[in-house]
Amino acid sequence: MRKVMLGGLLFAAVSVPLAAQQDGITNRVKGALDTKFIDAICPLKGGDFRVGSGKTYLKTAIEATVPEIQTRALNDGQRVIIDAITNSGQAKIAPAWYYLGRIYLQKGDVVGADSAFTRAEELAPPCKEDIGKYRYRVWA
């Protein structure tokens, strides 16, 4: 019994700082990003209306000043783009992955952004420099 309680206390002591570190990383990532929407510099073609909607949600989130609106727009953008990728044949369309990566960045999800950007680069090699700028800003 004593070991269980001690283990629980140790877990709580370790997990709180890790959660706080994650929040700090998320806040730093968000702070390094634009406050005005900038469209892709590279040529992105294709994508159905869901991908376009995801891009619009991203723009809304970036330019919103109310945190609740930002959060809702990012969640909606993520939802519609993932729906487009998984249910509408957009898995081989670079704009879907590019804008999903940018949404993940705005949410502070560096791992999700990296995965989406990797896929976007595979589908649209000319976007490597544009994507690299986002990756660098987060890394730096």
Foldseek 3Di string as FASTA:
>chain_A
DVVVVVVVVVCVVVVVVVVVVLVVLLVQLLVLDALADDDQPFDFDDDDVLLVQLSVLLRQLSPDPDNVSNVVSLVSSLVSLVCCCPPPVCVLGLSSLQSNLSSCSNRSNNVSNVVSVVSSCVNPVRSPVVSVVSVVSSVD
